[in-house]
């Protein structure tokens, strides 16, 4: 007869998830009803970003090992997580300007601009900017970002995978200062054109390219949702972190991660 373990002998749902600690992390600073929503949305987003980092770092390691199928699975999971992040703006946008104004003074200089996990995601995707590390107050966050800045991005590792497959990626793109911003290359674009011209031959690289394009597409939708939510709630006021607010977010949307994967489409 099958023996079942005593549920009292192992972790409970609450202890496994540390729910006591998790549900005690919300501390509104004002009497505004909507501040709880504001806190929960941002905390949930940080948890989703933690999962994105976990999956994309795993995908990078899989690409390094030329294990594309596991990498594709991780990219697909991140796409689903990004959908959750994008939809979270719909919930946050239910905060009215009056409600936000009532809590805003209590936020001080805190801002999503200071999210070290968001910055780590950007570094992992290739948008390297060392100056963004200096806004972090916590030494652990700065150390994490310095490490992320110095490591090859997802795109750098994609190019290395192309070179291992026999495509003529320029050496100065394979061996460079990975802490520096990526510079687009006509030679790299030509390699991607080779892949897109014969997807049956280069299927893994073709699928990798499309996974990267999808990653950037959803990231840009998240950025746009952020822009429109801020525009709806505070208009063109300056952000709490000292940024220009909506104009700053509009400028950020112009930043791209995988340039040759967009420009190659002109020649297809």
Foldseek 3Di string as FASTA:
>chain_A
DDDDDDPVVDDDPCRVVVVVVVVVPDDAPAPQPCSSLVVVLVVVLLVLLVLLVVLLVVLLVCLLVVNLVSNLVSLVVNLVSLVVLLCSLVVLLVQALVSCVRRVVVCAQDDPLQDLSVVLVCLQLQVADLVSLVSHPDPVSSVSVVVSLQDAHSVLSLVVSLVVVPQCDDPCSNDDRSNDGDDDDPSVLVSVLVCVVCCVVVVSSVSVLVSSVSVQVSVLSSLVSLLVSQCRRPNQPCDSNRHRRNVVSVVVSPDGRNVSSVVSVVVD
